[in-house]
N, C-alpha and C. Protein backbone atom coordinates (compact mmCIF):
# COMPACT_ATOMS: atom_id res chain seq x y z
N MET A 1 4.86 -3.18 -16.23
CA MET A 1 6.24 -3.05 -15.83
C MET A 1 6.74 -1.61 -16.02
N ASP A 2 6.25 -0.99 -17.09
CA ASP A 2 6.73 0.35 -17.41
C ASP A 2 6.39 1.37 -16.33
N LYS A 3 5.22 1.22 -15.69
CA LYS A 3 4.84 2.17 -14.64
C LYS A 3 5.82 2.12 -13.47
N LEU A 4 6.26 0.92 -13.12
CA LEU A 4 7.23 0.76 -12.04
C LEU A 4 8.57 1.38 -12.42
N ILE A 5 9.02 1.09 -13.62
CA ILE A 5 10.30 1.64 -14.08
C ILE A 5 10.21 3.17 -14.20
N ASP A 6 9.07 3.67 -14.67
CA ASP A 6 8.88 5.13 -14.75
C ASP A 6 8.97 5.75 -13.36
N LEU A 7 8.39 5.09 -12.36
CA LEU A 7 8.47 5.58 -10.98
C LEU A 7 9.93 5.64 -10.52
N PHE A 8 10.66 4.56 -10.75
CA PHE A 8 12.07 4.52 -10.36
C PHE A 8 12.86 5.62 -11.07
N GLU A 9 12.64 5.75 -12.38
CA GLU A 9 13.39 6.73 -13.17
C GLU A 9 13.04 8.17 -12.82
N ALA A 10 11.86 8.39 -12.30
CA ALA A 10 11.49 9.75 -11.87
C ALA A 10 12.32 10.16 -10.66
N ILE A 11 12.89 9.18 -9.97
CA ILE A 11 13.70 9.45 -8.78
C ILE A 11 15.18 9.55 -9.14
N LEU A 12 15.68 8.52 -9.82
CA LEU A 12 17.09 8.51 -10.24
C LEU A 12 17.21 7.74 -11.57
N PRO A 13 18.23 8.05 -12.37
CA PRO A 13 18.36 7.39 -13.67
C PRO A 13 18.67 5.89 -13.55
N ILE A 14 18.18 5.16 -14.56
CA ILE A 14 18.42 3.71 -14.67
C ILE A 14 18.83 3.44 -16.11
N SER A 15 19.87 2.65 -16.31
CA SER A 15 20.32 2.33 -17.67
C SER A 15 19.35 1.35 -18.34
N GLU A 16 19.47 1.22 -19.65
CA GLU A 16 18.61 0.28 -20.40
C GLU A 16 18.85 -1.16 -19.93
N ASP A 17 20.10 -1.52 -19.70
CA ASP A 17 20.41 -2.87 -19.20
C ASP A 17 19.76 -3.11 -17.85
N GLU A 18 19.79 -2.09 -16.98
CA GLU A 18 19.18 -2.22 -15.66
C GLU A 18 17.66 -2.33 -15.77
N LYS A 19 17.07 -1.58 -16.69
CA LYS A 19 15.62 -1.68 -16.92
C LYS A 19 15.26 -3.10 -17.35
N ASN A 20 16.05 -3.65 -18.26
CA ASN A 20 15.79 -5.02 -18.72
C ASN A 20 15.94 -6.02 -17.58
N ARG A 21 16.91 -5.81 -16.72
CA ARG A 21 17.11 -6.71 -15.58
C ARG A 21 15.93 -6.63 -14.62
N ILE A 22 15.44 -5.43 -14.39
CA ILE A 22 14.25 -5.27 -13.53
C ILE A 22 13.09 -6.05 -14.13
N LYS A 23 12.88 -5.89 -15.44
CA LYS A 23 11.77 -6.59 -16.12
C LYS A 23 11.90 -8.11 -16.01
N GLU A 24 13.14 -8.60 -16.01
CA GLU A 24 13.38 -10.04 -15.87
C GLU A 24 13.04 -10.55 -14.47
N LEU A 25 13.27 -9.72 -13.46
CA LEU A 25 13.16 -10.18 -12.08
C LEU A 25 11.80 -9.94 -11.42
N VAL A 26 11.00 -9.06 -11.98
CA VAL A 26 9.68 -8.80 -11.40
C VAL A 26 8.62 -9.57 -12.17
N LYS A 27 7.45 -9.73 -11.56
CA LYS A 27 6.38 -10.42 -12.30
C LYS A 27 5.06 -9.71 -12.05
N LYS A 28 4.23 -9.75 -13.07
CA LYS A 28 2.90 -9.15 -12.98
C LYS A 28 1.95 -10.20 -12.43
N GLU A 29 1.13 -9.80 -11.45
CA GLU A 29 0.18 -10.72 -10.84
C GLU A 29 -1.21 -10.12 -10.82
N ASN A 30 -2.19 -10.96 -11.05
CA ASN A 30 -3.59 -10.57 -10.88
C ASN A 30 -4.06 -11.15 -9.55
N ILE A 31 -4.52 -10.28 -8.67
CA ILE A 31 -4.95 -10.70 -7.34
C ILE A 31 -6.47 -10.59 -7.27
N LYS A 32 -7.12 -11.68 -6.90
CA LYS A 32 -8.58 -11.68 -6.80
C LYS A 32 -9.05 -10.92 -5.56
N LYS A 33 -10.24 -10.37 -5.68
CA LYS A 33 -10.89 -9.68 -4.56
C LYS A 33 -10.92 -10.61 -3.34
N LYS A 34 -10.68 -10.06 -2.16
CA LYS A 34 -10.68 -10.76 -0.88
C LYS A 34 -9.51 -11.72 -0.69
N THR A 35 -8.50 -11.63 -1.55
CA THR A 35 -7.31 -12.45 -1.41
C THR A 35 -6.28 -11.70 -0.57
N LYS A 36 -5.69 -12.41 0.37
CA LYS A 36 -4.64 -11.79 1.19
C LYS A 36 -3.33 -11.82 0.41
N TYR A 37 -2.77 -10.65 0.22
CA TYR A 37 -1.48 -10.51 -0.48
C TYR A 37 -0.34 -10.71 0.52
N VAL A 38 -0.53 -10.25 1.74
CA VAL A 38 0.43 -10.45 2.83
C VAL A 38 -0.35 -11.00 4.01
N GLU A 39 0.17 -12.05 4.64
CA GLU A 39 -0.50 -12.70 5.77
C GLU A 39 0.08 -12.21 7.09
N GLU A 40 -0.80 -11.95 8.04
CA GLU A 40 -0.38 -11.58 9.39
C GLU A 40 0.29 -12.80 10.04
N GLY A 41 1.38 -12.56 10.77
CA GLY A 41 2.06 -13.65 11.47
C GLY A 41 3.11 -14.37 10.65
N TYR A 42 3.21 -14.04 9.38
CA TYR A 42 4.21 -14.65 8.50
C TYR A 42 5.16 -13.57 7.99
N VAL A 43 6.36 -13.99 7.63
CA VAL A 43 7.34 -13.04 7.09
C VAL A 43 6.91 -12.62 5.69
N CYS A 44 6.90 -11.33 5.45
CA CYS A 44 6.55 -10.78 4.14
C CYS A 44 7.73 -10.99 3.19
N ARG A 45 7.52 -11.78 2.15
CA ARG A 45 8.59 -12.13 1.22
C ARG A 45 8.44 -11.47 -0.14
N LYS A 46 7.56 -10.44 -0.23
CA LYS A 46 7.36 -9.77 -1.51
C LYS A 46 6.81 -8.38 -1.28
N MET A 47 7.00 -7.53 -2.28
CA MET A 47 6.36 -6.23 -2.28
C MET A 47 5.72 -6.06 -3.65
N GLY A 48 4.58 -5.41 -3.68
CA GLY A 48 3.87 -5.28 -4.94
C GLY A 48 3.56 -3.83 -5.26
N PHE A 49 3.93 -3.41 -6.45
CA PHE A 49 3.58 -2.08 -6.93
C PHE A 49 2.19 -2.19 -7.53
N VAL A 50 1.24 -1.44 -6.99
CA VAL A 50 -0.16 -1.56 -7.42
C VAL A 50 -0.36 -0.80 -8.73
N VAL A 51 -0.72 -1.55 -9.76
CA VAL A 51 -1.01 -0.97 -11.08
C VAL A 51 -2.49 -0.64 -11.16
N ASP A 52 -3.31 -1.50 -10.56
CA ASP A 52 -4.75 -1.29 -10.59
C ASP A 52 -5.37 -1.97 -9.37
N GLY A 53 -6.38 -1.34 -8.79
CA GLY A 53 -7.09 -1.94 -7.67
C GLY A 53 -6.77 -1.27 -6.34
N ILE A 54 -7.40 -1.80 -5.30
CA ILE A 54 -7.25 -1.24 -3.96
C ILE A 54 -7.09 -2.37 -2.94
N PHE A 55 -6.11 -2.21 -2.07
CA PHE A 55 -5.88 -3.11 -0.94
C PHE A 55 -6.22 -2.38 0.35
N LYS A 56 -6.54 -3.16 1.38
CA LYS A 56 -6.64 -2.59 2.72
C LYS A 56 -5.57 -3.24 3.58
N VAL A 57 -5.02 -2.46 4.49
CA VAL A 57 -4.07 -2.96 5.47
C VAL A 57 -4.86 -3.12 6.76
N VAL A 58 -4.79 -4.29 7.36
CA VAL A 58 -5.57 -4.57 8.57
C VAL A 58 -4.63 -5.01 9.69
N ARG A 59 -4.78 -4.37 10.83
CA ARG A 59 -4.04 -4.72 12.04
C ARG A 59 -5.04 -5.21 13.08
N THR A 60 -4.60 -6.10 13.94
CA THR A 60 -5.45 -6.63 15.00
C THR A 60 -4.91 -6.14 16.34
N SER A 61 -5.80 -5.56 17.14
CA SER A 61 -5.39 -5.07 18.47
C SER A 61 -5.20 -6.24 19.42
N SER A 62 -4.62 -5.97 20.57
CA SER A 62 -4.42 -7.03 21.57
C SER A 62 -5.75 -7.59 22.06
N ALA A 63 -6.83 -6.79 21.93
CA ALA A 63 -8.17 -7.24 22.32
C ALA A 63 -8.84 -8.05 21.21
N GLY A 64 -8.17 -8.16 20.06
CA GLY A 64 -8.71 -8.94 18.96
C GLY A 64 -9.54 -8.13 17.97
N ASP A 65 -9.62 -6.82 18.16
CA ASP A 65 -10.37 -5.96 17.24
C ASP A 65 -9.50 -5.62 16.04
N GLU A 66 -10.12 -5.67 14.86
CA GLU A 66 -9.39 -5.30 13.64
C GLU A 66 -9.62 -3.83 13.32
N PHE A 67 -8.58 -3.18 12.83
CA PHE A 67 -8.73 -1.81 12.35
C PHE A 67 -7.91 -1.64 11.08
N ILE A 68 -8.32 -0.65 10.29
CA ILE A 68 -7.69 -0.39 8.99
C ILE A 68 -6.91 0.93 9.10
N PRO A 69 -5.58 0.86 9.18
CA PRO A 69 -4.81 2.11 9.26
C PRO A 69 -4.72 2.86 7.94
N TYR A 70 -4.80 2.14 6.81
CA TYR A 70 -4.76 2.81 5.51
C TYR A 70 -5.14 1.86 4.38
N PHE A 71 -5.41 2.48 3.24
CA PHE A 71 -5.69 1.77 2.00
C PHE A 71 -4.50 1.97 1.06
N ILE A 72 -4.28 1.01 0.19
CA ILE A 72 -3.20 1.10 -0.79
C ILE A 72 -3.84 1.04 -2.17
N SER A 73 -3.63 2.08 -2.94
CA SER A 73 -4.22 2.13 -4.28
C SER A 73 -3.14 2.30 -5.33
N GLU A 74 -3.58 2.46 -6.56
CA GLU A 74 -2.69 2.57 -7.71
C GLU A 74 -1.53 3.55 -7.48
N GLY A 75 -0.34 3.08 -7.86
CA GLY A 75 0.84 3.93 -7.75
C GLY A 75 1.58 3.81 -6.43
N HIS A 76 1.10 2.94 -5.55
CA HIS A 76 1.74 2.74 -4.24
C HIS A 76 2.15 1.27 -4.09
N PHE A 77 2.94 1.00 -3.05
CA PHE A 77 3.42 -0.36 -2.82
C PHE A 77 2.60 -1.06 -1.74
N ALA A 78 2.22 -2.30 -2.03
CA ALA A 78 1.57 -3.17 -1.05
C ALA A 78 2.69 -4.01 -0.43
N VAL A 79 3.04 -3.67 0.80
CA VAL A 79 4.12 -4.37 1.48
C VAL A 79 3.99 -4.13 2.98
N ALA A 80 4.26 -5.16 3.75
CA ALA A 80 4.39 -5.00 5.21
C ALA A 80 5.85 -4.64 5.40
N LEU A 81 6.12 -3.35 5.42
CA LEU A 81 7.49 -2.84 5.30
C LEU A 81 8.44 -3.36 6.38
N GLU A 82 8.03 -3.32 7.63
CA GLU A 82 8.91 -3.81 8.70
C GLU A 82 9.23 -5.28 8.51
N SER A 83 8.22 -6.07 8.17
CA SER A 83 8.40 -7.50 7.96
C SER A 83 9.31 -7.76 6.77
N PHE A 84 9.07 -7.07 5.67
CA PHE A 84 9.87 -7.25 4.46
C PHE A 84 11.33 -6.85 4.69
N THR A 85 11.52 -5.71 5.33
CA THR A 85 12.87 -5.18 5.54
C THR A 85 13.66 -6.01 6.54
N ASN A 86 13.05 -6.33 7.67
CA ASN A 86 13.76 -7.04 8.75
C ASN A 86 13.55 -8.54 8.76
N GLN A 87 12.70 -9.04 7.83
CA GLN A 87 12.39 -10.46 7.74
C GLN A 87 11.90 -11.03 9.07
N VAL A 88 10.92 -10.33 9.64
CA VAL A 88 10.24 -10.75 10.87
C VAL A 88 8.76 -10.94 10.54
N PRO A 89 8.02 -11.70 11.36
CA PRO A 89 6.59 -11.89 11.08
C PRO A 89 5.84 -10.55 11.00
N SER A 90 4.91 -10.49 10.07
CA SER A 90 4.12 -9.28 9.86
C SER A 90 3.07 -9.12 10.96
N GLU A 91 2.88 -7.89 11.39
CA GLU A 91 1.85 -7.58 12.40
C GLU A 91 0.56 -7.12 11.74
N GLU A 92 0.47 -7.26 10.44
CA GLU A 92 -0.72 -6.83 9.70
C GLU A 92 -0.93 -7.75 8.52
N TYR A 93 -2.12 -7.71 7.96
CA TYR A 93 -2.31 -8.39 6.69
C TYR A 93 -2.79 -7.38 5.67
N ILE A 94 -2.54 -7.70 4.41
CA ILE A 94 -2.93 -6.82 3.31
C ILE A 94 -3.83 -7.64 2.40
N GLU A 95 -5.05 -7.15 2.21
CA GLU A 95 -6.07 -7.89 1.47
C GLU A 95 -6.63 -7.05 0.33
N ALA A 96 -6.84 -7.68 -0.81
CA ALA A 96 -7.43 -7.00 -1.96
C ALA A 96 -8.91 -6.73 -1.70
N ILE A 97 -9.30 -5.47 -1.81
CA ILE A 97 -10.71 -5.11 -1.67
C ILE A 97 -11.40 -5.23 -3.02
N THR A 98 -10.64 -4.95 -4.07
CA THR A 98 -11.11 -5.08 -5.45
C THR A 98 -10.15 -6.04 -6.16
N PRO A 99 -10.49 -6.51 -7.34
CA PRO A 99 -9.47 -7.23 -8.11
C PRO A 99 -8.29 -6.28 -8.32
N CYS A 100 -7.08 -6.78 -8.17
CA CYS A 100 -5.89 -5.93 -8.26
C CYS A 100 -4.88 -6.50 -9.26
N VAL A 101 -4.12 -5.61 -9.85
CA VAL A 101 -2.98 -5.97 -10.68
C VAL A 101 -1.76 -5.36 -10.00
N VAL A 102 -0.78 -6.20 -9.70
CA VAL A 102 0.44 -5.72 -9.05
C VAL A 102 1.67 -6.22 -9.79
N ILE A 103 2.72 -5.45 -9.70
CA ILE A 103 4.03 -5.90 -10.17
C ILE A 103 4.78 -6.31 -8.91
N THR A 104 5.02 -7.60 -8.79
CA THR A 104 5.59 -8.16 -7.57
C THR A 104 7.11 -8.30 -7.68
N ILE A 105 7.76 -7.85 -6.61
CA ILE A 105 9.21 -8.03 -6.47
C ILE A 105 9.40 -8.96 -5.27
N SER A 106 9.88 -10.17 -5.51
CA SER A 106 10.13 -11.09 -4.40
C SER A 106 11.34 -10.60 -3.60
N ARG A 107 11.49 -11.12 -2.40
CA ARG A 107 12.64 -10.73 -1.57
C ARG A 107 13.95 -11.09 -2.28
N GLU A 108 13.96 -12.25 -2.94
CA GLU A 108 15.16 -12.69 -3.65
C GLU A 108 15.48 -11.74 -4.80
N ALA A 109 14.46 -11.37 -5.57
CA ALA A 109 14.65 -10.43 -6.68
C ALA A 109 15.10 -9.07 -6.15
N PHE A 110 14.51 -8.66 -5.04
CA PHE A 110 14.88 -7.38 -4.41
C PHE A 110 16.38 -7.37 -4.08
N ASN A 111 16.85 -8.47 -3.47
CA ASN A 111 18.27 -8.57 -3.11
C ASN A 111 19.16 -8.50 -4.35
N GLN A 112 18.73 -9.17 -5.43
CA GLN A 112 19.50 -9.13 -6.67
C GLN A 112 19.52 -7.71 -7.25
N LEU A 113 18.38 -7.05 -7.23
CA LEU A 113 18.31 -5.69 -7.77
C LEU A 113 19.20 -4.73 -6.98
N GLU A 114 19.29 -4.96 -5.67
CA GLU A 114 20.17 -4.11 -4.85
C GLU A 114 21.63 -4.19 -5.30
N THR A 115 22.04 -5.37 -5.76
CA THR A 115 23.44 -5.52 -6.19
C THR A 115 23.64 -5.23 -7.67
N GLU A 116 22.60 -5.42 -8.49
CA GLU A 116 22.76 -5.31 -9.94
C GLU A 116 22.31 -3.97 -10.54
N VAL A 117 21.48 -3.23 -9.84
CA VAL A 117 21.00 -1.94 -10.36
C VAL A 117 21.62 -0.84 -9.49
N GLN A 118 22.45 -0.04 -10.11
CA GLN A 118 23.28 0.92 -9.37
C GLN A 118 22.51 1.78 -8.38
N ASN A 119 21.42 2.38 -8.79
CA ASN A 119 20.69 3.32 -7.93
C ASN A 119 19.51 2.70 -7.18
N PHE A 120 19.35 1.38 -7.27
CA PHE A 120 18.17 0.74 -6.70
C PHE A 120 18.03 1.00 -5.20
N SER A 121 19.09 0.79 -4.44
CA SER A 121 19.01 0.99 -2.98
C SER A 121 18.64 2.43 -2.64
N LYS A 122 19.21 3.38 -3.35
CA LYS A 122 18.91 4.79 -3.11
C LYS A 122 17.45 5.10 -3.48
N ILE A 123 16.98 4.54 -4.59
CA ILE A 123 15.58 4.74 -5.01
C ILE A 123 14.64 4.21 -3.94
N ILE A 124 14.89 2.99 -3.48
CA ILE A 124 14.04 2.38 -2.45
C ILE A 124 14.09 3.19 -1.17
N SER A 125 15.27 3.64 -0.80
CA SER A 125 15.40 4.46 0.41
C SER A 125 14.56 5.74 0.31
N LEU A 126 14.60 6.39 -0.84
CA LEU A 126 13.81 7.62 -1.03
C LEU A 126 12.31 7.32 -1.05
N LEU A 127 11.92 6.18 -1.64
CA LEU A 127 10.50 5.78 -1.63
C LEU A 127 10.02 5.49 -0.21
N LYS A 128 10.86 4.80 0.59
CA LYS A 128 10.50 4.52 1.98
C LYS A 128 10.35 5.82 2.77
N GLU A 129 11.27 6.74 2.55
CA GLU A 129 11.22 8.03 3.24
C GLU A 129 9.92 8.76 2.90
N LYS A 130 9.57 8.78 1.64
CA LYS A 130 8.33 9.44 1.20
C LYS A 130 7.11 8.77 1.84
N ALA A 131 7.10 7.42 1.85
CA ALA A 131 5.98 6.68 2.43
C ALA A 131 5.85 6.95 3.93
N LEU A 132 6.97 6.99 4.63
CA LEU A 132 6.94 7.26 6.07
C LEU A 132 6.42 8.66 6.36
N ILE A 133 6.82 9.62 5.56
CA ILE A 133 6.33 10.99 5.73
C ILE A 133 4.82 11.04 5.50
N GLU A 134 4.36 10.36 4.43
CA GLU A 134 2.92 10.32 4.14
C GLU A 134 2.14 9.67 5.28
N LYS A 135 2.67 8.57 5.82
CA LYS A 135 1.99 7.88 6.92
C LYS A 135 1.96 8.73 8.19
N HIS A 136 3.05 9.43 8.46
CA HIS A 136 3.09 10.31 9.62
C HIS A 136 2.06 11.43 9.47
N LYS A 137 2.00 12.02 8.31
CA LYS A 137 1.04 13.09 8.05
C LYS A 137 -0.40 12.56 8.19
N LEU A 138 -0.64 11.36 7.65
CA LEU A 138 -1.96 10.75 7.75
C LEU A 138 -2.35 10.51 9.20
N LYS A 139 -1.41 9.96 9.99
CA LYS A 139 -1.69 9.71 11.42
C LYS A 139 -2.04 11.00 12.14
N THR A 140 -1.29 12.05 11.86
CA THR A 140 -1.54 13.35 12.49
C THR A 140 -2.93 13.85 12.13
N GLU A 141 -3.28 13.75 10.85
CA GLU A 141 -4.61 14.19 10.41
C GLU A 141 -5.71 13.35 11.06
N MET A 142 -5.49 12.05 11.17
CA MET A 142 -6.50 11.18 11.76
C MET A 142 -6.72 11.52 13.24
N LEU A 143 -5.68 11.96 13.91
CA LEU A 143 -5.80 12.32 15.32
C LEU A 143 -6.40 13.72 15.51
N ASN A 144 -6.08 14.63 14.62
CA ASN A 144 -6.48 16.03 14.80
C ASN A 144 -7.80 16.41 14.15
N ASP A 145 -8.19 15.73 13.08
CA ASP A 145 -9.39 16.12 12.34
C ASP A 145 -10.63 15.40 12.85
N ASP A 146 -11.77 16.04 12.69
CA ASP A 146 -13.03 15.37 13.02
C ASP A 146 -13.40 14.42 11.89
N ALA A 147 -14.41 13.59 12.12
CA ALA A 147 -14.78 12.54 11.17
C ALA A 147 -15.15 13.10 9.80
N GLU A 148 -15.88 14.20 9.79
CA GLU A 148 -16.31 14.78 8.52
C GLU A 148 -15.10 15.28 7.71
N THR A 149 -14.16 15.90 8.38
CA THR A 149 -12.94 16.38 7.70
C THR A 149 -12.11 15.21 7.20
N ARG A 150 -12.00 14.16 8.02
CA ARG A 150 -11.26 12.97 7.59
C ARG A 150 -11.89 12.37 6.34
N TYR A 151 -13.22 12.31 6.31
CA TYR A 151 -13.91 11.77 5.14
C TYR A 151 -13.64 12.63 3.91
N ARG A 152 -13.75 13.95 4.06
CA ARG A 152 -13.51 14.86 2.92
C ARG A 152 -12.09 14.71 2.38
N LYS A 153 -11.12 14.61 3.28
CA LYS A 153 -9.73 14.45 2.86
C LYS A 153 -9.52 13.12 2.13
N LEU A 154 -10.15 12.07 2.64
CA LEU A 154 -10.07 10.77 1.97
C LEU A 154 -10.66 10.85 0.57
N ALA A 155 -11.82 11.48 0.45
CA ALA A 155 -12.49 11.63 -0.85
C ALA A 155 -11.62 12.43 -1.82
N GLN A 156 -10.93 13.41 -1.29
CA GLN A 156 -10.07 14.26 -2.12
C GLN A 156 -8.79 13.54 -2.54
N LYS A 157 -8.16 12.83 -1.61
CA LYS A 157 -6.87 12.20 -1.87
C LYS A 157 -7.00 10.84 -2.56
N GLN A 158 -8.05 10.10 -2.21
CA GLN A 158 -8.22 8.76 -2.77
C GLN A 158 -9.68 8.55 -3.19
N PRO A 159 -10.12 9.24 -4.25
CA PRO A 159 -11.52 9.12 -4.66
C PRO A 159 -11.94 7.70 -5.04
N THR A 160 -10.99 6.89 -5.52
CA THR A 160 -11.33 5.52 -5.87
C THR A 160 -11.71 4.71 -4.63
N VAL A 161 -11.14 5.05 -3.48
CA VAL A 161 -11.50 4.37 -2.23
C VAL A 161 -12.97 4.64 -1.93
N ILE A 162 -13.38 5.88 -2.03
CA ILE A 162 -14.78 6.24 -1.77
C ILE A 162 -15.70 5.52 -2.75
N GLN A 163 -15.24 5.38 -3.99
CA GLN A 163 -16.06 4.79 -5.04
C GLN A 163 -16.18 3.27 -4.93
N TYR A 164 -15.09 2.58 -4.56
CA TYR A 164 -15.07 1.12 -4.65
C TYR A 164 -15.00 0.35 -3.34
N VAL A 165 -14.64 1.01 -2.27
CA VAL A 165 -14.46 0.30 -0.99
C VAL A 165 -15.80 0.25 -0.25
N PRO A 166 -16.15 -0.92 0.31
CA PRO A 166 -17.40 -1.02 1.07
C PRO A 166 -17.45 -0.02 2.23
N GLN A 167 -18.66 0.47 2.51
CA GLN A 167 -18.84 1.48 3.55
C GLN A 167 -18.33 1.02 4.91
N ASN A 168 -18.51 -0.25 5.23
CA ASN A 168 -18.05 -0.71 6.54
C ASN A 168 -16.53 -0.58 6.67
N ASN A 169 -15.79 -0.80 5.57
CA ASN A 169 -14.33 -0.63 5.61
C ASN A 169 -13.94 0.84 5.73
N ILE A 170 -14.66 1.72 5.04
CA ILE A 170 -14.38 3.15 5.14
C ILE A 170 -14.66 3.63 6.56
N ALA A 171 -15.79 3.20 7.13
CA ALA A 171 -16.13 3.58 8.51
C ALA A 171 -15.06 3.09 9.48
N GLN A 172 -14.63 1.85 9.29
CA GLN A 172 -13.59 1.27 10.14
C GLN A 172 -12.30 2.09 10.04
N TYR A 173 -11.93 2.46 8.82
CA TYR A 173 -10.74 3.28 8.60
C TYR A 173 -10.86 4.65 9.29
N LEU A 174 -12.03 5.27 9.17
CA LEU A 174 -12.25 6.59 9.76
C LEU A 174 -12.46 6.55 11.27
N GLY A 175 -12.68 5.35 11.80
CA GLY A 175 -12.90 5.21 13.24
C GLY A 175 -14.29 5.66 13.67
N ILE A 176 -15.27 5.44 12.80
CA ILE A 176 -16.65 5.84 13.08
C ILE A 176 -17.59 4.68 12.76
N THR A 177 -18.85 4.83 13.15
CA THR A 177 -19.84 3.81 12.83
C THR A 177 -20.32 4.00 11.39
N GLN A 178 -20.93 2.96 10.85
CA GLN A 178 -21.51 3.07 9.51
C GLN A 178 -22.63 4.10 9.49
N TYR A 179 -23.36 4.20 10.59
CA TYR A 179 -24.44 5.18 10.68
C TYR A 179 -23.88 6.60 10.56
N THR A 180 -22.81 6.89 11.29
CA THR A 180 -22.18 8.21 11.21
C THR A 180 -21.66 8.47 9.80
N LEU A 181 -21.08 7.46 9.19
CA LEU A 181 -20.59 7.61 7.81
C LEU A 181 -21.75 7.93 6.87
N SER A 182 -22.87 7.26 7.04
CA SER A 182 -24.05 7.54 6.19
C SER A 182 -24.50 8.99 6.35
N ARG A 183 -24.48 9.48 7.57
CA ARG A 183 -24.87 10.88 7.81
C ARG A 183 -23.89 11.84 7.13
N ILE A 184 -22.61 11.55 7.23
CA ILE A 184 -21.59 12.41 6.61
C ILE A 184 -21.75 12.39 5.09
N ARG A 185 -21.97 11.20 4.53
CA ARG A 185 -22.14 11.09 3.08
C ARG A 185 -23.38 11.82 2.61
N ALA A 186 -24.43 11.80 3.41
CA ALA A 186 -25.68 12.49 3.04
C ALA A 186 -25.47 14.00 2.97
N LYS A 187 -24.59 14.52 3.81
CA LYS A 187 -24.28 15.96 3.80
C LYS A 187 -23.46 16.35 2.58
N SER A 188 -22.62 15.43 2.12
CA SER A 188 -21.67 15.75 1.02
C SER A 188 -22.35 15.87 -0.32
């Protein structure tokens, strides 16, 4: 719980009473490997701050092909943001690649925190803004960089992904074959 509160407090101050209220409303969950934290086609009713472990976000194309736009690791939120915010069915699913520990905020708890914690809405707004900027930058890099550069950047920014995520998932994320990934890894 403290890691989540520390994250919030790094953005804006929170009183002791508000910290205690946050602790009352959130819950720590252990998520088993290969468990879907968010289901595609259903409304996302929770967001999870990842304390430990790695999730993959998977989208399905109109042709039925799955692709991985990004991984979620420690210190980030596992949430289908559009679904959670607008309460519409999710267009993606989020699955644990490794065993994960998350601090879960249900939609109901989120609504309560918005009214009971003075700076909560502003904190969440700033976190969303940061996440959107990161995703935009990532998309730009994925479009502009070659496969080897994308792999190097992934290894630099998320070394735990390289260490714990299966090669087929990394290849899928990079938009390359497993064979090409093996060649790139052999060079590194």
